């Protein structure tokens, strides 16, 4: 039996991290953690007001996600995090070296349309441009896969699951 990965579902706002993350976790039989729940209240207030976060705002959030991922090493888990910059992913890997990224990618118009139709989320559509400007896609030396977000959540989850099967088994990392 394969050792379950600790998967970080990443991408710009509106790609479906909060929808795909729990579906992927259920498919893999591991727990899901919502990355937004790791934000300090000050970050939520800032984003709700339409202001993008700075790197300094993000470090405590990334450290909290990294700590959760570290605790799931060897057990598996799925957590969402925009993880837009290489430096953010490096920080997550420093805490949890075996993490694998599922980068949800898609056409800007599709993502903007999906954002416009969701309710009760603190990230306004106005910040989408800053998200795309910040995005640094996964590089060849990063463990992870890119998954297109067109289609239904079930189709996206199926593509992610299939892509993850091609990622080498994680090396044992013990807390």
N, C-alpha and C. Protein backbone atom coordinates (compact mmCIF):
# COMPACT_ATOMS: atom_id res chain seq x y z
N UNK A 1 0.84 -1.19 0.00
CA UNK A 1 0.00 0.00 0.00
C UNK A 1 0.88 1.24 0.00
N UNK A 2 0.49 2.22 -0.81
CA UNK A 2 1.24 3.46 -0.89
C UNK A 2 1.11 4.28 0.39
N UNK A 3 2.22 4.92 0.78
CA UNK A 3 2.16 5.89 1.87
C UNK A 3 1.40 7.10 1.35
N UNK A 4 0.40 7.58 2.07
CA UNK A 4 -0.36 8.71 1.55
C UNK A 4 0.48 10.00 1.55
N UNK A 5 0.28 10.77 0.51
CA UNK A 5 0.93 12.08 0.43
C UNK A 5 0.25 13.07 1.36
N UNK A 6 0.99 14.09 1.76
CA UNK A 6 0.38 15.29 2.30
C UNK A 6 0.34 16.25 1.12
N UNK A 7 -0.87 16.59 0.70
CA UNK A 7 -1.09 17.36 -0.51
C UNK A 7 -1.51 18.78 -0.16
N UNK A 8 -0.85 19.74 -0.81
CA UNK A 8 -1.26 21.13 -0.71
C UNK A 8 -1.94 21.48 -2.02
N UNK A 9 -3.25 21.77 -1.95
CA UNK A 9 -4.00 22.20 -3.12
C UNK A 9 -3.80 23.70 -3.24
N UNK A 10 -3.14 24.12 -4.33
CA UNK A 10 -2.72 25.52 -4.47
C UNK A 10 -3.31 26.14 -5.73
N UNK A 11 -3.23 27.46 -5.79
CA UNK A 11 -3.68 28.20 -6.97
C UNK A 11 -4.23 29.55 -6.56
N UNK A 12 -4.52 30.35 -7.56
CA UNK A 12 -5.07 31.68 -7.28
C UNK A 12 -6.47 31.53 -6.70
N UNK A 13 -6.97 32.60 -6.12
CA UNK A 13 -8.32 32.62 -5.59
C UNK A 13 -9.30 32.26 -6.70
N UNK A 14 -10.31 31.49 -6.37
CA UNK A 14 -11.36 31.15 -7.33
C UNK A 14 -11.11 29.90 -8.15
N UNK A 15 -9.97 29.23 -7.96
CA UNK A 15 -9.70 28.02 -8.73
C UNK A 15 -10.41 26.80 -8.15
N UNK A 16 -10.94 26.92 -6.94
CA UNK A 16 -11.69 25.82 -6.36
C UNK A 16 -10.97 25.04 -5.29
N UNK A 17 -9.98 25.67 -4.65
CA UNK A 17 -9.22 24.96 -3.62
C UNK A 17 -10.13 24.42 -2.52
N UNK A 18 -11.10 25.22 -2.09
CA UNK A 18 -12.00 24.85 -1.00
C UNK A 18 -13.03 23.81 -1.44
N UNK A 19 -13.29 23.73 -2.73
CA UNK A 19 -14.20 22.71 -3.25
C UNK A 19 -13.45 21.42 -3.53
N UNK A 20 -12.32 21.53 -4.23
CA UNK A 20 -11.56 20.34 -4.64
C UNK A 20 -10.83 19.70 -3.47
N UNK A 21 -10.31 20.50 -2.55
CA UNK A 21 -9.57 19.97 -1.41
C UNK A 21 -10.32 18.88 -0.65
N UNK A 22 -11.55 19.15 -0.18
CA UNK A 22 -12.28 18.11 0.55
C UNK A 22 -12.63 16.89 -0.32
N UNK A 23 -12.94 17.14 -1.60
CA UNK A 23 -13.25 16.02 -2.50
C UNK A 23 -12.02 15.13 -2.69
N UNK A 24 -10.86 15.77 -2.86
CA UNK A 24 -9.62 15.02 -3.03
C UNK A 24 -9.28 14.26 -1.75
N UNK A 25 -9.44 14.90 -0.61
CA UNK A 25 -9.16 14.23 0.67
C UNK A 25 -10.06 13.01 0.84
N UNK A 26 -11.34 13.15 0.51
CA UNK A 26 -12.27 12.03 0.63
C UNK A 26 -11.85 10.90 -0.31
N UNK A 27 -11.45 11.26 -1.51
CA UNK A 27 -11.02 10.27 -2.50
C UNK A 27 -9.78 9.52 -2.02
N UNK A 28 -8.88 10.25 -1.35
CA UNK A 28 -7.63 9.65 -0.86
C UNK A 28 -7.79 9.00 0.51
N UNK A 29 -8.92 9.26 1.18
CA UNK A 29 -9.15 8.69 2.51
C UNK A 29 -8.31 9.32 3.60
N UNK A 30 -8.08 10.64 3.47
CA UNK A 30 -7.27 11.37 4.45
C UNK A 30 -8.01 12.63 4.90
N UNK A 31 -7.62 13.24 6.01
CA UNK A 31 -8.29 14.45 6.48
C UNK A 31 -7.98 15.66 5.61
N UNK A 32 -8.90 16.62 5.63
CA UNK A 32 -8.76 17.88 4.92
C UNK A 32 -8.69 19.02 5.92
N UNK A 33 -7.82 19.99 5.65
CA UNK A 33 -7.75 21.21 6.46
C UNK A 33 -7.91 22.40 5.52
N UNK A 34 -8.80 23.29 5.85
CA UNK A 34 -9.04 24.49 5.06
C UNK A 34 -7.97 25.53 5.38
N UNK A 35 -7.16 25.86 4.38
CA UNK A 35 -6.07 26.80 4.57
C UNK A 35 -6.50 28.15 5.09
N UNK A 36 -7.68 28.61 4.67
CA UNK A 36 -8.15 29.92 5.13
C UNK A 36 -8.32 29.95 6.65
N UNK A 37 -8.60 28.80 7.25
CA UNK A 37 -8.78 28.74 8.70
C UNK A 37 -7.49 29.00 9.47
N UNK A 38 -6.35 28.93 8.79
CA UNK A 38 -5.06 29.17 9.44
C UNK A 38 -4.67 30.65 9.43
N UNK A 39 -5.44 31.48 8.71
CA UNK A 39 -5.12 32.92 8.65
C UNK A 39 -5.40 33.58 9.99
N UNK A 40 -4.48 34.44 10.44
CA UNK A 40 -4.81 35.28 11.59
C UNK A 40 -5.94 36.25 11.20
N UNK A 41 -6.70 36.67 12.16
CA UNK A 41 -7.83 37.58 11.90
C UNK A 41 -7.39 38.84 11.16
N UNK A 42 -6.21 39.35 11.45
CA UNK A 42 -5.73 40.57 10.79
C UNK A 42 -5.62 40.36 9.28
N UNK A 43 -5.23 39.18 8.84
CA UNK A 43 -5.15 38.90 7.41
C UNK A 43 -6.53 38.91 6.77
N UNK A 44 -7.51 38.32 7.44
CA UNK A 44 -8.87 38.27 6.90
C UNK A 44 -9.43 39.68 6.78
N UNK A 45 -9.20 40.50 7.80
CA UNK A 45 -9.66 41.89 7.76
C UNK A 45 -9.02 42.63 6.59
N UNK A 46 -7.74 42.43 6.42
CA UNK A 46 -7.01 43.12 5.34
C UNK A 46 -7.54 42.70 3.97
N UNK A 47 -7.70 41.39 3.74
CA UNK A 47 -8.19 40.92 2.45
C UNK A 47 -9.64 41.33 2.22
N UNK A 48 -10.46 41.30 3.27
CA UNK A 48 -11.86 41.70 3.15
C UNK A 48 -11.99 43.15 2.73
N UNK A 49 -11.00 43.96 3.11
CA UNK A 49 -10.99 45.38 2.73
C UNK A 49 -10.42 45.60 1.33
N UNK A 50 -10.05 44.50 0.67
CA UNK A 50 -9.55 44.61 -0.70
C UNK A 50 -8.06 44.85 -0.82
N UNK A 51 -7.32 44.61 0.29
CA UNK A 51 -5.88 44.83 0.28
C UNK A 51 -5.14 43.49 0.21
N UNK A 52 -4.22 43.35 -0.76
CA UNK A 52 -3.46 42.10 -0.83
C UNK A 52 -2.53 41.96 0.37
N UNK A 53 -2.27 40.72 0.75
CA UNK A 53 -1.35 40.47 1.85
C UNK A 53 0.09 40.66 1.39
N UNK A 54 0.93 41.06 2.32
CA UNK A 54 2.37 41.14 2.07
C UNK A 54 2.99 39.80 2.48
N UNK A 55 4.24 39.60 2.09
CA UNK A 55 4.93 38.39 2.52
C UNK A 55 4.96 38.30 4.05
N UNK A 56 5.18 39.42 4.70
CA UNK A 56 5.23 39.43 6.17
C UNK A 56 3.90 38.98 6.77
N UNK A 57 2.79 39.35 6.10
CA UNK A 57 1.47 38.89 6.57
C UNK A 57 1.33 37.38 6.41
N UNK A 58 1.95 36.83 5.37
CA UNK A 58 1.77 35.43 5.03
C UNK A 58 2.62 34.46 5.86
N UNK A 59 3.77 34.90 6.38
CA UNK A 59 4.66 33.95 7.06
C UNK A 59 3.99 33.19 8.20
N UNK A 60 3.28 33.85 9.12
CA UNK A 60 2.65 33.08 10.22
C UNK A 60 1.59 32.10 9.70
N UNK A 61 0.89 32.50 8.65
CA UNK A 61 -0.13 31.64 8.04
C UNK A 61 0.53 30.40 7.43
N UNK A 62 1.59 30.63 6.65
CA UNK A 62 2.30 29.50 6.04
C UNK A 62 2.93 28.59 7.09
N UNK A 63 3.44 29.18 8.15
CA UNK A 63 4.04 28.38 9.23
C UNK A 63 2.98 27.49 9.90
N UNK A 64 1.77 28.02 10.07
CA UNK A 64 0.69 27.23 10.68
C UNK A 64 0.29 26.08 9.76
N UNK A 65 0.19 26.34 8.46
CA UNK A 65 -0.13 25.28 7.50
C UNK A 65 1.00 24.25 7.48
N UNK A 66 2.25 24.73 7.46
CA UNK A 66 3.40 23.83 7.46
C UNK A 66 3.42 22.94 8.69
N UNK A 67 3.05 23.48 9.83
CA UNK A 67 3.01 22.70 11.06
C UNK A 67 1.95 21.60 10.97
N UNK A 68 0.78 21.93 10.43
CA UNK A 68 -0.26 20.93 10.24
C UNK A 68 0.24 19.83 9.30
N UNK A 69 0.84 20.23 8.17
CA UNK A 69 1.34 19.27 7.19
C UNK A 69 2.43 18.38 7.80
N UNK A 70 3.30 18.96 8.61
CA UNK A 70 4.35 18.18 9.27
C UNK A 70 3.73 17.10 10.16
N UNK A 71 2.68 17.48 10.88
CA UNK A 71 2.00 16.53 11.76
C UNK A 71 1.30 15.40 11.02
N UNK A 72 1.04 15.59 9.73
CA UNK A 72 0.37 14.57 8.91
C UNK A 72 1.36 13.73 8.11
N UNK A 73 2.66 14.01 8.22
CA UNK A 73 3.67 13.28 7.46
C UNK A 73 3.56 11.79 7.74
N UNK A 74 3.55 10.99 6.68
CA UNK A 74 3.42 9.55 6.81
C UNK A 74 2.00 9.07 6.98
N UNK A 75 1.09 10.01 7.28
CA UNK A 75 -0.32 9.69 7.49
C UNK A 75 -1.19 10.15 6.33
N UNK A 76 -0.73 11.20 5.65
CA UNK A 76 -1.49 11.78 4.55
C UNK A 76 -2.44 12.85 5.03
N UNK A 77 -2.79 13.71 4.11
CA UNK A 77 -3.72 14.80 4.39
C UNK A 77 -3.77 15.73 3.20
N UNK A 78 -4.78 16.55 3.18
CA UNK A 78 -4.93 17.55 2.13
C UNK A 78 -5.22 18.88 2.81
N UNK A 79 -4.50 19.92 2.40
CA UNK A 79 -4.72 21.25 2.92
C UNK A 79 -4.69 22.23 1.75
N UNK A 80 -5.52 23.25 1.84
CA UNK A 80 -5.52 24.26 0.78
C UNK A 80 -4.64 25.44 1.19
N UNK A 81 -3.96 26.00 0.21
CA UNK A 81 -3.13 27.20 0.40
C UNK A 81 -2.85 27.76 -0.97
N UNK A 82 -2.99 29.05 -1.14
CA UNK A 82 -2.71 29.63 -2.45
C UNK A 82 -1.28 29.30 -2.89
N UNK A 83 -0.32 29.36 -1.96
CA UNK A 83 1.08 28.99 -2.24
C UNK A 83 1.56 29.54 -3.58
N UNK A 84 1.26 30.81 -3.83
CA UNK A 84 1.49 31.40 -5.14
C UNK A 84 2.97 31.56 -5.51
N UNK A 85 3.81 31.81 -4.53
CA UNK A 85 5.24 32.05 -4.82
C UNK A 85 6.08 30.83 -4.45
N UNK A 86 7.16 30.68 -5.16
CA UNK A 86 8.11 29.60 -4.86
C UNK A 86 8.57 29.72 -3.40
N UNK A 87 8.81 30.94 -2.95
CA UNK A 87 9.29 31.12 -1.57
C UNK A 87 8.25 30.62 -0.55
N UNK A 88 6.96 30.73 -0.87
CA UNK A 88 5.92 30.23 0.03
C UNK A 88 5.95 28.70 0.06
N UNK A 89 6.10 28.12 -1.11
CA UNK A 89 6.16 26.65 -1.18
C UNK A 89 7.42 26.13 -0.51
N UNK A 90 8.52 26.85 -0.68
CA UNK A 90 9.77 26.47 0.00
C UNK A 90 9.57 26.49 1.51
N UNK A 91 8.84 27.48 2.00
CA UNK A 91 8.59 27.58 3.44
C UNK A 91 7.75 26.39 3.92
N UNK A 92 6.75 26.02 3.13
CA UNK A 92 5.93 24.86 3.48
C UNK A 92 6.77 23.58 3.46
N UNK A 93 7.63 23.45 2.45
CA UNK A 93 8.50 22.27 2.35
C UNK A 93 9.52 22.23 3.48
N UNK A 94 9.95 23.39 3.96
CA UNK A 94 10.90 23.41 5.08
C UNK A 94 10.26 22.79 6.33
N UNK A 95 8.97 23.04 6.52
CA UNK A 95 8.26 22.49 7.67
C UNK A 95 7.85 21.04 7.44
N UNK A 96 7.48 20.73 6.19
CA UNK A 96 6.98 19.40 5.85
C UNK A 96 7.60 18.97 4.53
N UNK A 97 8.82 18.42 4.58
CA UNK A 97 9.58 18.14 3.37
C UNK A 97 8.91 17.25 2.33
N UNK A 98 7.99 16.40 2.73
CA UNK A 98 7.36 15.48 1.79
C UNK A 98 6.12 15.99 1.09
N UNK A 99 5.73 17.26 1.31
CA UNK A 99 4.48 17.73 0.71
C UNK A 99 4.54 17.69 -0.81
N UNK A 100 3.38 17.48 -1.39
CA UNK A 100 3.20 17.47 -2.84
C UNK A 100 2.14 18.52 -3.15
N UNK A 101 2.36 19.27 -4.22
CA UNK A 101 1.43 20.34 -4.59
C UNK A 101 0.54 19.91 -5.75
N UNK A 102 -0.75 20.22 -5.64
CA UNK A 102 -1.68 20.10 -6.75
C UNK A 102 -2.05 21.54 -7.11
N UNK A 103 -1.49 22.01 -8.22
CA UNK A 103 -1.70 23.39 -8.67
C UNK A 103 -2.94 23.42 -9.57
N UNK A 104 -4.01 24.01 -9.04
CA UNK A 104 -5.23 24.17 -9.82
C UNK A 104 -5.05 25.36 -10.76
N UNK A 105 -5.13 25.10 -12.05
CA UNK A 105 -4.89 26.14 -13.05
C UNK A 105 -6.11 26.30 -13.94
N UNK A 106 -6.24 27.50 -14.49
CA UNK A 106 -7.36 27.70 -15.39
C UNK A 106 -7.34 29.06 -16.04
N UNK A 107 -8.22 29.21 -16.98
CA UNK A 107 -8.40 30.45 -17.71
C UNK A 107 -8.92 31.55 -16.77
N UNK A 108 -8.34 32.74 -16.89
CA UNK A 108 -8.70 33.84 -15.99
C UNK A 108 -10.19 34.14 -16.04
N UNK A 109 -10.79 34.14 -17.23
CA UNK A 109 -12.22 34.45 -17.35
C UNK A 109 -13.08 33.44 -16.60
N UNK A 110 -12.73 32.16 -16.70
CA UNK A 110 -13.47 31.12 -15.98
C UNK A 110 -13.35 31.33 -14.48
N UNK A 111 -12.14 31.59 -14.01
CA UNK A 111 -11.92 31.79 -12.57
C UNK A 111 -12.66 33.02 -12.07
N UNK A 112 -12.60 34.11 -12.82
CA UNK A 112 -13.31 35.33 -12.41
C UNK A 112 -14.82 35.09 -12.34
N UNK A 113 -15.35 34.35 -13.32
CA UNK A 113 -16.78 34.03 -13.31
C UNK A 113 -17.15 33.21 -12.07
N UNK A 114 -16.33 32.24 -11.75
CA UNK A 114 -16.61 31.43 -10.56
C UNK A 114 -16.54 32.27 -9.29
N UNK A 115 -15.57 33.17 -9.22
CA UNK A 115 -15.46 34.04 -8.03
C UNK A 115 -16.69 34.93 -7.90
N UNK A 116 -17.19 35.42 -9.03
CA UNK A 116 -18.34 36.33 -9.00
C UNK A 116 -19.61 35.64 -8.50
N UNK A 117 -19.65 34.31 -8.60
CA UNK A 117 -20.85 33.57 -8.20
C UNK A 117 -20.75 32.90 -6.84
N UNK A 118 -19.65 33.07 -6.14
CA UNK A 118 -19.57 32.46 -4.81
C UNK A 118 -19.99 33.48 -3.77
N UNK A 119 -20.50 32.97 -2.67
CA UNK A 119 -21.04 33.84 -1.63
C UNK A 119 -20.34 33.58 -0.30
N UNK A 120 -20.19 34.63 0.50
CA UNK A 120 -19.67 34.48 1.85
C UNK A 120 -18.18 34.30 1.94
N UNK A 121 -17.44 34.65 0.88
CA UNK A 121 -15.98 34.51 0.93
C UNK A 121 -15.36 35.90 1.06
N UNK A 122 -14.28 35.99 1.84
CA UNK A 122 -13.67 37.30 2.11
C UNK A 122 -12.80 37.83 0.98
N UNK A 123 -12.45 37.01 -0.01
CA UNK A 123 -11.55 37.44 -1.08
C UNK A 123 -12.36 38.06 -2.22
N UNK A 124 -12.28 39.38 -2.40
CA UNK A 124 -13.03 40.00 -3.49
C UNK A 124 -12.40 39.74 -4.85
N UNK A 125 -13.25 39.73 -5.88
CA UNK A 125 -12.79 39.51 -7.25
C UNK A 125 -11.73 40.54 -7.65
N UNK A 126 -11.79 41.72 -7.06
CA UNK A 126 -10.83 42.79 -7.39
C UNK A 126 -9.39 42.37 -7.12
N UNK A 127 -9.16 41.42 -6.25
CA UNK A 127 -7.80 40.99 -5.93
C UNK A 127 -7.27 39.91 -6.88
N UNK A 128 -8.11 39.48 -7.83
CA UNK A 128 -7.67 38.42 -8.74
C UNK A 128 -6.45 38.83 -9.55
N UNK A 129 -6.41 40.07 -10.02
CA UNK A 129 -5.25 40.52 -10.80
C UNK A 129 -3.97 40.42 -9.99
N UNK A 130 -4.02 40.79 -8.71
CA UNK A 130 -2.81 40.71 -7.88
C UNK A 130 -2.41 39.25 -7.67
N UNK A 131 -3.39 38.35 -7.62
CA UNK A 131 -3.09 36.93 -7.46
C UNK A 131 -2.34 36.41 -8.69
N UNK A 132 -2.84 36.74 -9.88
CA UNK A 132 -2.18 36.28 -11.11
C UNK A 132 -0.80 36.92 -11.26
N UNK A 133 -0.66 38.18 -10.83
CA UNK A 133 0.64 38.85 -10.93
C UNK A 133 1.66 38.20 -10.01
N UNK A 134 1.21 37.69 -8.87
CA UNK A 134 2.09 37.07 -7.88
C UNK A 134 2.44 35.63 -8.23
N UNK A 135 1.54 34.94 -8.94
CA UNK A 135 1.68 33.51 -9.19
C UNK A 135 3.00 33.14 -9.87
N UNK A 136 3.70 32.21 -9.25
CA UNK A 136 4.89 31.57 -9.83
C UNK A 136 4.55 30.09 -9.93
N UNK A 137 4.24 29.59 -11.16
CA UNK A 137 3.85 28.19 -11.29
C UNK A 137 4.92 27.24 -10.76
N UNK A 138 4.49 26.02 -10.47
CA UNK A 138 5.42 24.99 -10.01
C UNK A 138 6.58 24.85 -10.98
N UNK A 139 7.77 24.66 -10.44
CA UNK A 139 8.96 24.46 -11.26
C UNK A 139 9.26 22.96 -11.33
N UNK A 140 10.08 22.59 -12.29
CA UNK A 140 10.37 21.18 -12.56
C UNK A 140 10.91 20.43 -11.34
N UNK A 141 11.61 21.13 -10.44
CA UNK A 141 12.19 20.46 -9.27
C UNK A 141 11.24 20.41 -8.08
N UNK A 142 10.00 20.86 -8.25
CA UNK A 142 9.03 20.84 -7.16
C UNK A 142 8.10 19.63 -7.32
N UNK A 143 7.90 18.90 -6.23
CA UNK A 143 6.99 17.75 -6.27
C UNK A 143 5.57 18.27 -6.40
N UNK A 144 4.96 17.94 -7.52
CA UNK A 144 3.59 18.38 -7.70
C UNK A 144 3.12 18.23 -9.13
N UNK A 145 1.85 18.53 -9.31
CA UNK A 145 1.19 18.41 -10.60
C UNK A 145 0.29 19.62 -10.82
N UNK A 146 0.11 19.98 -12.08
CA UNK A 146 -0.84 21.03 -12.46
C UNK A 146 -2.10 20.35 -12.96
N UNK A 147 -3.25 20.85 -12.52
CA UNK A 147 -4.53 20.26 -12.88
C UNK A 147 -5.45 21.37 -13.36
N UNK A 148 -5.98 21.20 -14.56
CA UNK A 148 -6.89 22.19 -15.14
C UNK A 148 -8.23 22.17 -14.40
N UNK A 149 -8.81 23.37 -14.19
CA UNK A 149 -10.04 23.47 -13.41
C UNK A 149 -11.31 23.58 -14.26
N UNK A 150 -11.20 23.30 -15.55
CA UNK A 150 -12.43 23.28 -16.34
C UNK A 150 -13.19 22.01 -16.02
N UNK A 151 -14.50 22.08 -16.17
CA UNK A 151 -15.34 20.93 -15.88
C UNK A 151 -15.90 20.95 -14.47
N UNK A 152 -16.51 19.84 -14.10
CA UNK A 152 -17.16 19.73 -12.79
C UNK A 152 -16.13 19.47 -11.70
N UNK A 153 -16.51 19.72 -10.44
CA UNK A 153 -15.60 19.38 -9.34
C UNK A 153 -15.19 17.90 -9.35
N UNK A 154 -16.10 17.02 -9.72
CA UNK A 154 -15.78 15.60 -9.77
C UNK A 154 -14.75 15.31 -10.85
N UNK A 155 -14.87 15.97 -12.02
CA UNK A 155 -13.89 15.78 -13.10
C UNK A 155 -12.52 16.30 -12.70
N UNK A 156 -12.50 17.45 -12.04
CA UNK A 156 -11.23 18.04 -11.58
C UNK A 156 -10.57 17.12 -10.55
N UNK A 157 -11.38 16.61 -9.61
CA UNK A 157 -10.87 15.70 -8.58
C UNK A 157 -10.31 14.43 -9.22
N UNK A 158 -10.99 13.91 -10.22
CA UNK A 158 -10.51 12.72 -10.92
C UNK A 158 -9.17 12.99 -11.59
N UNK A 159 -9.04 14.15 -12.25
CA UNK A 159 -7.76 14.51 -12.89
C UNK A 159 -6.66 14.62 -11.85
N UNK A 160 -6.97 15.24 -10.71
CA UNK A 160 -5.97 15.41 -9.64
C UNK A 160 -5.54 14.05 -9.08
N UNK A 161 -6.50 13.18 -8.83
CA UNK A 161 -6.19 11.85 -8.30
C UNK A 161 -5.31 11.07 -9.25
N UNK A 162 -5.66 11.10 -10.53
CA UNK A 162 -4.88 10.39 -11.54
C UNK A 162 -3.46 10.96 -11.63
N UNK A 163 -3.35 12.28 -11.60
CA UNK A 163 -2.03 12.92 -11.67
C UNK A 163 -1.19 12.57 -10.45
N UNK A 164 -1.80 12.54 -9.27
CA UNK A 164 -1.05 12.22 -8.05
C UNK A 164 -0.52 10.79 -8.06
N UNK A 165 -1.20 9.89 -8.77
CA UNK A 165 -0.72 8.51 -8.84
C UNK A 165 0.64 8.41 -9.52
N UNK A 166 0.98 9.44 -10.29
CA UNK A 166 2.26 9.45 -11.01
C UNK A 166 3.40 10.06 -10.17
N UNK A 167 3.05 10.67 -9.05
CA UNK A 167 4.06 11.29 -8.18
C UNK A 167 4.69 10.20 -7.32
N UNK A 168 6.02 10.15 -7.24
CA UNK A 168 6.66 9.11 -6.43
C UNK A 168 6.18 9.13 -4.99
N UNK A 169 6.20 7.97 -4.39
CA UNK A 169 5.79 7.83 -2.99
C UNK A 169 6.68 8.71 -2.11
N UNK A 170 6.06 9.39 -1.13
CA UNK A 170 6.89 10.26 -0.27
C UNK A 170 7.85 9.45 0.59
N UNK A 171 8.98 10.06 0.87
CA UNK A 171 9.90 9.42 1.81
C UNK A 171 9.34 9.61 3.19
N UNK A 172 9.57 8.67 4.07
CA UNK A 172 9.02 8.75 5.43
C UNK A 172 9.58 9.96 6.15
N UNK A 173 8.70 10.77 6.64
CA UNK A 173 9.07 11.93 7.46
C UNK A 173 8.35 11.79 8.78
N UNK A 174 9.08 11.67 9.83
CA UNK A 174 8.44 11.46 11.13
C UNK A 174 8.52 12.74 11.94
N UNK A 175 7.38 13.09 12.57
CA UNK A 175 7.35 14.32 13.39
C UNK A 175 8.30 14.27 14.57
